[in-house]
């Protein structure tokens, strides 16, 4: 193998070939995004080399089976060096965000028979339904009870509170995180029905709808689409100025949540974040 001063490689590839090098071959190894894949079998790479090792991440993991701090011998749970979110804002590398909690809280809390009013219980009984059998969690509600009127109310609220373009009339760049592909398509259909005068303003951008990056590229560089409805595709690795981020899905992972919020905190991407759906509000700490 030819001698080089610098090697660039994914950890997955290195894990298959690392024994071709001697343990002392490298002087310094820098791992990026170390919250993701330095664990389990990939940990062999860290243990094999004698080089100084630097791990970089904005979202370290501190779970029992995935602890970024322990992997790099930070036994006190503190990083060797920390560049804080607040400092990045002060240095103008990042911008702060605004948090907006939507009014459609029932989708976050679900619908449970025990919480219904007497009038609502009686109405169900008249229809031959047992109120005590009503027990929908928020996610189940969206998966099993498709309510177009609810989708319309959500779009109305998004249109009202989202960051607008320079005209102040139309939404700026916005990402809506849906629960499933089907949910995303229902949101698209409801939007098209409400705003037929804007046929290209909104697009579903998921792994199933994307073709060679054309939709993502248009969303990033062109005036339309303005609103991207996604599922799990746009939560990392994309930066677009002037946008809102709308959560219509539960996000249980604090790491993923911070990554998703990070889509809108780059310089010139000041974004009011609209929280719609079952997202746990206690998952946020607004700086």
C-alpha atoms as a PDB file:
ATOM      1  CA  UNK A   1       0.000   0.000   0.000  1.00  0.00           C
ATOM      2  CA  UNK A   2       1.411   3.407  -0.959  1.00  0.00           C
ATOM      3  CA  UNK A   3       2.502   5.659   1.870  1.00  0.00           C
ATOM      4  CA  UNK A   4       0.369   8.774   2.222  1.00  0.00           C
ATOM      5  CA  UNK A   5       0.390  11.645   4.685  1.00  0.00           C
ATOM      6  CA  UNK A   6      -3.403  11.678   4.961  1.00  0.00           C
ATOM      7  CA  UNK A   7      -6.040   8.959   4.584  1.00  0.00           C
ATOM      8  CA  UNK A   8      -9.786   9.615   4.334  1.00  0.00           C
ATOM      9  CA  UNK A   9     -12.043   6.596   4.854  1.00  0.00           C
ATOM     10  CA  UNK A  10     -15.361   5.601   6.373  1.00  0.00           C
ATOM     11  CA  UNK A  11     -15.260   3.654   9.599  1.00  0.00           C
ATOM     12  CA  UNK A  12     -17.194   0.829   7.938  1.00  0.00           C
ATOM     13  CA  UNK A  13     -14.482   0.433   5.292  1.00  0.00           C
ATOM     14  CA  UNK A  14     -11.650   0.793   7.785  1.00  0.00           C
ATOM     15  CA  UNK A  15     -13.148  -1.922   9.962  1.00  0.00           C
ATOM     16  CA  UNK A  16     -12.676  -4.370   7.060  1.00  0.00           C
ATOM     17  CA  UNK A  17      -9.045  -3.496   6.315  1.00  0.00           C
ATOM     18  CA  UNK A  18      -7.532  -2.111   9.521  1.00  0.00           C
ATOM     19  CA  UNK A  19      -5.362  -5.175  10.111  1.00  0.00           C
ATOM     20  CA  UNK A  20      -3.442  -4.331   6.928  1.00  0.00           C
ATOM     21  CA  UNK A  21      -1.869  -1.524   8.958  1.00  0.00           C
ATOM     22  CA  UNK A  22       0.353  -1.884  11.983  1.00  0.00           C
ATOM     23  CA  UNK A  23      -1.079  -0.549  15.271  1.00  0.00           C
ATOM     24  CA  UNK A  24       1.473   2.282  15.149  1.00  0.00           C
ATOM     25  CA  UNK A  25       0.903   3.194  11.486  1.00  0.00           C
ATOM     26  CA  UNK A  26      -1.086   6.366  12.232  1.00  0.00           C
ATOM     27  CA  UNK A  27      -0.031   9.235  14.478  1.00  0.00           C
ATOM     28  CA  UNK A  28      -3.513  10.755  14.695  1.00  0.00           C
ATOM     29  CA  UNK A  29      -6.981   9.415  13.846  1.00  0.00           C
ATOM     30  CA  UNK A  30      -9.948  11.793  13.690  1.00  0.00           C
ATOM     31  CA  UNK A  31     -13.450  10.298  13.787  1.00  0.00           C
ATOM     32  CA  UNK A  32     -16.390  12.488  12.741  1.00  0.00           C
ATOM     33  CA  UNK A  33     -20.001  11.948  13.902  1.00  0.00           C
ATOM     34  CA  UNK A  34     -18.789   9.578  16.629  1.00  0.00           C
ATOM     35  CA  UNK A  35     -22.238   9.293  18.217  1.00  0.00           C
ATOM     36  CA  UNK A  36     -23.249   6.979  15.352  1.00  0.00           C
ATOM     37  CA  UNK A  37     -21.044   3.992  14.661  1.00  0.00           C
ATOM     38  CA  UNK A  38     -17.996   3.652  16.889  1.00  0.00           C
ATOM     39  CA  UNK A  39     -19.634   0.925  18.959  1.00  0.00           C
ATOM     40  CA  UNK A  40     -19.945  -2.862  18.802  1.00  0.00           C
ATOM     41  CA  UNK A  41     -17.748  -4.355  16.048  1.00  0.00           C
ATOM     42  CA  UNK A  42     -16.422  -0.939  14.984  1.00  0.00           C
ATOM     43  CA  UNK A  43     -14.941  -0.476  18.443  1.00  0.00           C
ATOM     44  CA  UNK A  44     -12.196  -2.884  17.371  1.00  0.00           C
ATOM     45  CA  UNK A  45     -10.751  -0.132  15.211  1.00  0.00           C
ATOM     46  CA  UNK A  46     -10.429   2.237  18.161  1.00  0.00           C
ATOM     47  CA  UNK A  47      -8.806  -0.448  20.292  1.00  0.00           C
ATOM     48  CA  UNK A  48      -6.409  -1.663  17.573  1.00  0.00           C
ATOM     49  CA  UNK A  49      -4.527   1.536  16.826  1.00  0.00           C
ATOM     50  CA  UNK A  50      -2.080   3.197  19.211  1.00  0.00           C
ATOM     51  CA  UNK A  51      -2.510   6.639  17.658  1.00  0.00           C
ATOM     52  CA  UNK A  52      -3.997   9.634  19.400  1.00  0.00           C
ATOM     53  CA  UNK A  53      -7.696   9.579  18.649  1.00  0.00           C
ATOM     54  CA  UNK A  54     -10.045  12.537  18.384  1.00  0.00           C
ATOM     55  CA  UNK A  55     -13.799  12.081  18.188  1.00  0.00           C
ATOM     56  CA  UNK A  56     -16.013  14.866  16.826  1.00  0.00           C
ATOM     57  CA  UNK A  57     -19.764  15.151  17.349  1.00  0.00           C
ATOM     58  CA  UNK A  58     -22.392  17.740  18.165  1.00  0.00           C
ATOM     59  CA  UNK A  59     -24.614  15.122  19.801  1.00  0.00           C
ATOM     60  CA  UNK A  60     -22.668  12.654  21.978  1.00  0.00           C
ATOM     61  CA  UNK A  61     -24.487   9.532  23.145  1.00  0.00           C
ATOM     62  CA  UNK A  62     -24.423   8.516  26.791  1.00  0.00           C
ATOM     63  CA  UNK A  63     -26.470   5.337  26.775  1.00  0.00           C
ATOM     64  CA  UNK A  64     -25.397   2.195  28.627  1.00  0.00           C
ATOM     65  CA  UNK A  65     -24.543   0.319  25.428  1.00  0.00           C
ATOM     66  CA  UNK A  66     -23.458   3.427  23.489  1.00  0.00           C
ATOM     67  CA  UNK A  67     -21.423   5.908  25.476  1.00  0.00           C
ATOM     68  CA  UNK A  68     -19.348   8.312  23.398  1.00  0.00           C
ATOM     69  CA  UNK A  69     -17.602   9.655  26.487  1.00  0.00           C
ATOM     70  CA  UNK A  70     -16.420   6.266  27.723  1.00  0.00           C
ATOM     71  CA  UNK A  71     -15.278   5.294  24.223  1.00  0.00           C
ATOM     72  CA  UNK A  72     -12.804   8.180  24.394  1.00  0.00           C
ATOM     73  CA  UNK A  73     -11.943   7.731  28.080  1.00  0.00           C
ATOM     74  CA  UNK A  74     -13.906  10.741  29.295  1.00  0.00           C
ATOM     75  CA  UNK A  75     -15.043   8.885  32.399  1.00  0.00           C
ATOM     76  CA  UNK A  76     -16.591  11.966  34.034  1.00  0.00           C
ATOM     77  CA  UNK A  77     -19.117  12.332  31.205  1.00  0.00           C
ATOM     78  CA  UNK A  78     -17.546  15.578  30.031  1.00  0.00           C
ATOM     79  CA  UNK A  79     -15.868  16.082  26.651  1.00  0.00           C
ATOM     80  CA  UNK A  80     -12.203  16.959  26.419  1.00  0.00           C
ATOM     81  CA  UNK A  81     -13.190  20.144  24.602  1.00  0.00           C
ATOM     82  CA  UNK A  82     -16.656  21.646  24.264  1.00  0.00           C
ATOM     83  CA  UNK A  83     -17.710  24.360  21.835  1.00  0.00           C
ATOM     84  CA  UNK A  84     -21.132  25.299  23.124  1.00  0.00           C
ATOM     85  CA  UNK A  85     -24.267  26.144  21.194  1.00  0.00           C
ATOM     86  CA  UNK A  86     -24.384  29.503  22.968  1.00  0.00           C
ATOM     87  CA  UNK A  87     -20.798  30.282  21.959  1.00  0.00           C
ATOM     88  CA  UNK A  88     -21.512  29.305  18.350  1.00  0.00           C
ATOM     89  CA  UNK A  89     -24.422  31.766  18.339  1.00  0.00           C
ATOM     90  CA  UNK A  90     -22.228  34.500  19.805  1.00  0.00           C
ATOM     91  CA  UNK A  91     -19.562  33.781  17.178  1.00  0.00           C
ATOM     92  CA  UNK A  92     -22.261  33.894  14.476  1.00  0.00           C
ATOM     93  CA  UNK A  93     -21.719  30.345  13.245  1.00  0.00           C
ATOM     94  CA  UNK A  94     -25.232  29.356  14.371  1.00  0.00           C
ATOM     95  CA  UNK A  95     -28.486  31.192  14.970  1.00  0.00           C
ATOM     96  CA  UNK A  96     -30.947  30.649  17.780  1.00  0.00           C
ATOM     97  CA  UNK A  97     -34.420  29.280  17.154  1.00  0.00           C
ATOM     98  CA  UNK A  98     -37.919  30.082  18.303  1.00  0.00           C
ATOM     99  CA  UNK A  99     -40.162  27.340  19.628  1.00  0.00           C
ATOM    100  CA  UNK A 100     -43.851  27.312  18.847  1.00  0.00           C
ATOM    101  CA  UNK A 101     -46.122  24.689  20.438  1.00  0.00           C
ATOM    102  CA  UNK A 102     -49.108  24.052  18.181  1.00  0.00           C
ATOM    103  CA  UNK A 103     -52.693  24.018  19.354  1.00  0.00           C
ATOM    104  CA  UNK A 104     -53.486  20.531  18.023  1.00  0.00           C
ATOM    105  CA  UNK A 105     -52.398  18.918  21.300  1.00  0.00           C
ATOM    106  CA  UNK A 106     -54.790  15.976  21.073  1.00  0.00           C
ATOM    107  CA  UNK A 107     -52.517  14.451  18.468  1.00  0.00           C
ATOM    108  CA  UNK A 108     -49.705  14.542  20.978  1.00  0.00           C
ATOM    109  CA  UNK A 109     -51.805  13.285  23.882  1.00  0.00           C
ATOM    110  CA  UNK A 110     -54.054  10.921  21.978  1.00  0.00           C
ATOM    111  CA  UNK A 111     -57.732  10.308  22.700  1.00  0.00           C
ATOM    112  CA  UNK A 112     -58.747   8.207  25.701  1.00  0.00           C
ATOM    113  CA  UNK A 113     -62.274   7.326  26.781  1.00  0.00           C
ATOM    114  CA  UNK A 114     -61.566   8.141  30.398  1.00  0.00           C
ATOM    115  CA  UNK A 115     -60.809  11.749  29.438  1.00  0.00           C
ATOM    116  CA  UNK A 116     -63.993  12.344  27.407  1.00  0.00           C
ATOM    117  CA  UNK A 117     -66.729  14.621  28.654  1.00  0.00           C
ATOM    118  CA  UNK A 118     -70.110  13.174  29.617  1.00  0.00           C
ATOM    119  CA  UNK A 119     -71.610  14.663  26.461  1.00  0.00           C
ATOM    120  CA  UNK A 120     -68.943  13.032  24.281  1.00  0.00           C
ATOM    121  CA  UNK A 121     -69.393   9.675  26.039  1.00  0.00           C
ATOM    122  CA  UNK A 122     -73.167   9.801  25.515  1.00  0.00           C
ATOM    123  CA  UNK A 123     -72.714  10.632  21.843  1.00  0.00           C
ATOM    124  CA  UNK A 124     -70.537   7.543  21.414  1.00  0.00           C
ATOM    125  CA  UNK A 125     -73.032   5.359  23.286  1.00  0.00           C
ATOM    126  CA  UNK A 126     -75.811   6.549  20.955  1.00  0.00           C
ATOM    127  CA  UNK A 127     -73.701   5.311  18.040  1.00  0.00           C
ATOM    128  CA  UNK A 128     -73.323   1.900  19.660  1.00  0.00           C
ATOM    129  CA  UNK A 129     -69.717   2.469  20.762  1.00  0.00           C
ATOM    130  CA  UNK A 130     -68.275   1.848  24.210  1.00  0.00           C
ATOM    131  CA  UNK A 131     -66.404   5.018  25.322  1.00  0.00           C
ATOM    132  CA  UNK A 132     -64.087   2.937  27.490  1.00  0.00           C
ATOM    133  CA  UNK A 133     -62.807   1.199  24.368  1.00  0.00           C
ATOM    134  CA  UNK A 134     -61.552   4.499  22.964  1.00  0.00           C
ATOM    135  CA  UNK A 135     -57.822   4.463  23.644  1.00  0.00           C
ATOM    136  CA  UNK A 136     -55.748   6.007  20.878  1.00  0.00           C
ATOM    137  CA  UNK A 137     -52.221   7.185  21.371  1.00  0.00           C
ATOM    138  CA  UNK A 138     -51.197  10.138  19.215  1.00  0.00           C
ATOM    139  CA  UNK A 139     -49.311   8.069  16.659  1.00  0.00           C
ATOM    140  CA  UNK A 140     -52.113   5.485  16.462  1.00  0.00           C
ATOM    141  CA  UNK A 141     -54.557   8.316  15.869  1.00  0.00           C
ATOM    142  CA  UNK A 142     -52.730   9.415  12.749  1.00  0.00           C
ATOM    143  CA  UNK A 143     -52.129   5.864  11.509  1.00  0.00           C
ATOM    144  CA  UNK A 144     -55.675   4.594  12.054  1.00  0.00           C
ATOM    145  CA  UNK A 145     -57.975   7.627  12.099  1.00  0.00           C
ATOM    146  CA  UNK A 146     -57.319   9.806   9.082  1.00  0.00           C
ATOM    147  CA  UNK A 147     -59.132  13.084   9.675  1.00  0.00           C
ATOM    148  CA  UNK A 148     -58.881  15.471   6.733  1.00  0.00           C
ATOM    149  CA  UNK A 149     -60.353  18.346   8.738  1.00  0.00           C
ATOM    150  CA  UNK A 150     -57.515  17.964  11.239  1.00  0.00           C
ATOM    151  CA  UNK A 151     -54.951  18.087   8.445  1.00  0.00           C
ATOM    152  CA  UNK A 152     -56.543  21.274   7.131  1.00  0.00           C
ATOM    153  CA  UNK A 153     -56.399  22.894  10.567  1.00  0.00           C
ATOM    154  CA  UNK A 154     -52.747  21.949  10.841  1.00  0.00           C
ATOM    155  CA  UNK A 155     -51.922  23.498   7.472  1.00  0.00           C
ATOM    156  CA  UNK A 156     -53.817  26.655   8.427  1.00  0.00           C
ATOM    157  CA  UNK A 157     -51.765  26.939  11.594  1.00  0.00           C
ATOM    158  CA  UNK A 158     -48.492  26.269   9.794  1.00  0.00           C
ATOM    159  CA  UNK A 159     -49.323  28.915   7.181  1.00  0.00           C
ATOM    160  CA  UNK A 160     -50.128  31.407   9.924  1.00  0.00           C
ATOM    161  CA  UNK A 161     -47.019  30.990  12.102  1.00  0.00           C
ATOM    162  CA  UNK A 162     -44.243  29.796   9.775  1.00  0.00           C
ATOM    163  CA  UNK A 163     -41.417  32.058   8.696  1.00  0.00           C
ATOM    164  CA  UNK A 164     -42.460  33.964   5.567  1.00  0.00           C
ATOM    165  CA  UNK A 165     -40.417  34.987   2.553  1.00  0.00           C
ATOM    166  CA  UNK A 166     -39.354  38.568   1.855  1.00  0.00           C
ATOM    167  CA  UNK A 167     -42.851  39.412   0.610  1.00  0.00           C
ATOM    168  CA  UNK A 168     -44.338  38.405   3.940  1.00  0.00           C
ATOM    169  CA  UNK A 169     -47.075  36.488   2.121  1.00  0.00           C
ATOM    170  CA  UNK A 170     -45.743  33.023   1.323  1.00  0.00           C
ATOM    171  CA  UNK A 171     -43.898  30.512   3.519  1.00  0.00           C
ATOM    172  CA  UNK A 172     -40.136  30.478   3.453  1.00  0.00           C
ATOM    173  CA  UNK A 173     -38.371  27.155   3.137  1.00  0.00           C
ATOM    174  CA  UNK A 174     -40.089  24.694   5.480  1.00  0.00           C
ATOM    175  CA  UNK A 175     -39.627  21.022   6.324  1.00  0.00           C
ATOM    176  CA  UNK A 176     -42.603  19.050   7.619  1.00  0.00           C
ATOM    177  CA  UNK A 177     -41.653  15.734   9.238  1.00  0.00           C
ATOM    178  CA  UNK A 178     -44.471  13.219   8.745  1.00  0.00           C
ATOM    179  CA  UNK A 179     -44.925   9.841  10.455  1.00  0.00           C
ATOM    180  CA  UNK A 180     -45.092   7.609   7.375  1.00  0.00           C
ATOM    181  CA  UNK A 181     -45.071   7.836   3.597  1.00  0.00           C
ATOM    182  CA  UNK A 182     -48.872   7.503   3.629  1.00  0.00           C
ATOM    183  CA  UNK A 183     -49.146  10.317   6.172  1.00  0.00           C
ATOM    184  CA  UNK A 184     -46.916  12.491   3.977  1.00  0.00           C
ATOM    185  CA  UNK A 185     -49.103  11.830   0.939  1.00  0.00           C
ATOM    186  CA  UNK A 186     -52.262  12.696   2.914  1.00  0.00           C
ATOM    187  CA  UNK A 187     -50.662  15.963   4.000  1.00  0.00           C
ATOM    188  CA  UNK A 188     -49.783  16.726   0.382  1.00  0.00           C
ATOM    189  CA  UNK A 189     -53.324  15.971  -0.767  1.00  0.00           C
ATOM    190  CA  UNK A 190     -54.834  18.189   1.938  1.00  0.00           C
ATOM    191  CA  UNK A 191     -52.495  21.057   1.017  1.00  0.00           C
ATOM    192  CA  UNK A 192     -53.271  20.740  -2.704  1.00  0.00           C
ATOM    193  CA  UNK A 193     -56.982  20.832  -1.922  1.00  0.00           C
ATOM    194  CA  UNK A 194     -56.646  23.942   0.254  1.00  0.00           C
ATOM    195  CA  UNK A 195     -54.202  25.893  -1.899  1.00  0.00           C
ATOM    196  CA  UNK A 196     -54.775  24.900  -5.557  1.00  0.00           C
ATOM    197  CA  UNK A 197     -53.277  28.237  -6.622  1.00  0.00           C
ATOM    198  CA  UNK A 198     -49.855  26.978  -5.462  1.00  0.00           C
ATOM    199  CA  UNK A 199     -49.427  23.630  -7.282  1.00  0.00           C
ATOM    200  CA  UNK A 200     -45.633  23.471  -6.861  1.00  0.00           C
ATOM    201  CA  UNK A 201     -45.242  25.022  -3.439  1.00  0.00           C
ATOM    202  CA  UNK A 202     -45.230  21.684  -1.584  1.00  0.00           C
ATOM    203  CA  UNK A 203     -43.567  18.376  -2.472  1.00  0.00           C
ATOM    204  CA  UNK A 204     -43.195  15.045  -0.696  1.00  0.00           C
ATOM    205  CA  UNK A 205     -39.450  14.390  -0.519  1.00  0.00           C
ATOM    206  CA  UNK A 206     -38.712  10.910   0.794  1.00  0.00           C
ATOM    207  CA  UNK A 207     -36.543   7.982  -0.263  1.00  0.00           C
ATOM    208  CA  UNK A 208     -39.549   6.696  -2.230  1.00  0.00           C
ATOM    209  CA  UNK A 209     -40.177   9.932  -4.110  1.00  0.00           C
ATOM    210  CA  UNK A 210     -36.645  11.236  -4.618  1.00  0.00           C
ATOM    211  CA  UNK A 211     -34.826  10.604  -7.892  1.00  0.00           C
ATOM    212  CA  UNK A 212     -31.076  11.208  -8.010  1.00  0.00           C
ATOM    213  CA  UNK A 213     -31.315  14.172  -5.691  1.00  0.00           C
ATOM    214  CA  UNK A 214     -33.425  16.265  -8.055  1.00  0.00           C
ATOM    215  CA  UNK A 215     -36.114  17.175  -5.502  1.00  0.00           C
ATOM    216  CA  UNK A 216     -33.630  17.916  -2.724  1.00  0.00           C
ATOM    217  CA  UNK A 217     -31.573  20.033  -5.117  1.00  0.00           C
ATOM    218  CA  UNK A 218     -34.666  21.988  -6.177  1.00  0.00           C
ATOM    219  CA  UNK A 219     -35.687  22.493  -2.554  1.00  0.00           C
ATOM    220  CA  UNK A 220     -32.228  23.835  -1.679  1.00  0.00           C
ATOM    221  CA  UNK A 221     -31.531  25.998  -4.728  1.00  0.00           C
ATOM    222  CA  UNK A 222     -34.798  26.961  -6.427  1.00  0.00           C
ATOM    223  CA  UNK A 223     -37.739  29.102  -5.400  1.00  0.00           C
ATOM    224  CA  UNK A 224     -40.076  26.091  -5.410  1.00  0.00           C
ATOM    225  CA  UNK A 225     -40.864  23.849  -3.726  1.00  0.00           C
ATOM    226  CA  UNK A 226     -41.025  25.927  -0.558  1.00  0.00           C
ATOM    227  CA  UNK A 227     -42.378  23.184   1.718  1.00  0.00           C
ATOM    228  CA  UNK A 228     -40.807  19.716   1.796  1.00  0.00           C
ATOM    229  CA  UNK A 229     -42.828  16.947   3.441  1.00  0.00           C
ATOM    230  CA  UNK A 230     -40.396  14.283   4.569  1.00  0.00           C
ATOM    231  CA  UNK A 231     -40.315  11.195   6.780  1.00  0.00           C
ATOM    232  CA  UNK A 232     -36.716  10.265   7.593  1.00  0.00           C
ATOM    233  CA  UNK A 233     -34.787  11.729   4.692  1.00  0.00           C
ATOM    234  CA  UNK A 234     -34.144  15.379   5.559  1.00  0.00           C
ATOM    235  CA  UNK A 235     -33.417  15.087   9.275  1.00  0.00           C
ATOM    236  CA  UNK A 236     -29.645  15.420   8.769  1.00  0.00           C
ATOM    237  CA  UNK A 237     -27.214  16.743   6.204  1.00  0.00           C
ATOM    238  CA  UNK A 238     -29.197  19.563   4.621  1.00  0.00           C
ATOM    239  CA  UNK A 239     -29.013  23.298   5.268  1.00  0.00           C
ATOM    240  CA  UNK A 240     -31.414  25.800   3.727  1.00  0.00           C
ATOM    241  CA  UNK A 241     -31.679  29.445   4.879  1.00  0.00           C
ATOM    242  CA  UNK A 242     -34.877  30.982   6.201  1.00  0.00           C
ATOM    243  CA  UNK A 243     -37.028  28.101   7.165  1.00  0.00           C
ATOM    244  CA  UNK A 244     -39.356  26.542   9.685  1.00  0.00           C
ATOM    245  CA  UNK A 245     -39.246  22.981  10.902  1.00  0.00           C
ATOM    246  CA  UNK A 246     -42.576  21.302  11.632  1.00  0.00           C
ATOM    247  CA  UNK A 247     -42.790  18.079  13.622  1.00  0.00           C
ATOM    248  CA  UNK A 248     -45.867  15.975  12.874  1.00  0.00           C
ATOM    249  CA  UNK A 249     -44.266  12.863  14.306  1.00  0.00           C
ATOM    250  CA  UNK A 250     -42.971  11.744  17.700  1.00  0.00           C
ATOM    251  CA  UNK A 251     -39.211  12.062  18.118  1.00  0.00           C
ATOM    252  CA  UNK A 252     -38.106   9.918  21.051  1.00  0.00           C
ATOM    253  CA  UNK A 253     -34.343  10.196  20.538  1.00  0.00           C
ATOM    254  CA  UNK A 254     -32.736  13.348  22.019  1.00  0.00           C
ATOM    255  CA  UNK A 255     -29.823  12.918  19.602  1.00  0.00           C
ATOM    256  CA  UNK A 256     -32.053  12.758  16.535  1.00  0.00           C
ATOM    257  CA  UNK A 257     -34.094  15.677  17.817  1.00  0.00           C
ATOM    258  CA  UNK A 258     -31.005  17.881  18.127  1.00  0.00           C
ATOM    259  CA  UNK A 259     -29.881  16.787  14.653  1.00  0.00           C
ATOM    260  CA  UNK A 260     -33.277  17.702  13.203  1.00  0.00           C
ATOM    261  CA  UNK A 261     -33.340  21.082  14.930  1.00  0.00           C
ATOM    262  CA  UNK A 262     -29.842  21.630  13.565  1.00  0.00           C
ATOM    263  CA  UNK A 263     -31.299  21.705  10.038  1.00  0.00           C
ATOM    264  CA  UNK A 264     -32.505  25.237  10.795  1.00  0.00           C
ATOM    265  CA  UNK A 265     -29.829  26.731  13.036  1.00  0.00           C
ATOM    266  CA  UNK A 266     -27.059  27.394  10.533  1.00  0.00           C
ATOM    267  CA  UNK A 267     -26.143  31.012   9.781  1.00  0.00           C
ATOM    268  CA  UNK A 268     -28.967  32.800   7.891  1.00  0.00           C
ATOM    269  CA  UNK A 269     -31.356  29.986   8.775  1.00  0.00           C
ATOM    270  CA  UNK A 270     -33.178  31.644  11.661  1.00  0.00           C
ATOM    271  CA  UNK A 271     -36.241  29.492  12.034  1.00  0.00           C
ATOM    272  CA  UNK A 272     -39.326  29.458  14.192  1.00  0.00           C
ATOM    273  CA  UNK A 273     -39.893  25.767  14.905  1.00  0.00           C
ATOM    274  CA  UNK A 274     -43.525  24.704  14.879  1.00  0.00           C
ATOM    275  CA  UNK A 275     -44.246  21.671  17.020  1.00  0.00           C
ATOM    276  CA  UNK A 276     -47.242  19.782  15.689  1.00  0.00           C
ATOM    277  CA  UNK A 277     -47.976  16.172  16.605  1.00  0.00           C
ATOM    278  CA  UNK A 278     -46.977  13.956  19.506  1.00  0.00           C
ATOM    279  CA  UNK A 279     -43.487  15.343  20.115  1.00  0.00           C
ATOM    280  CA  UNK A 280     -42.708  15.378  23.818  1.00  0.00           C
ATOM    281  CA  UNK A 281     -42.338  19.020  24.841  1.00  0.00           C
ATOM    282  CA  UNK A 282     -39.990  18.082  27.676  1.00  0.00           C
ATOM    283  CA  UNK A 283     -37.531  16.984  25.004  1.00  0.00           C
ATOM    284  CA  UNK A 284     -36.710  20.622  24.303  1.00  0.00           C
ATOM    285  CA  UNK A 285     -34.491  22.993  26.219  1.00  0.00           C
ATOM    286  CA  UNK A 286     -34.541  26.369  24.545  1.00  0.00           C
ATOM    287  CA  UNK A 287     -31.328  28.361  24.946  1.00  0.00           C
END
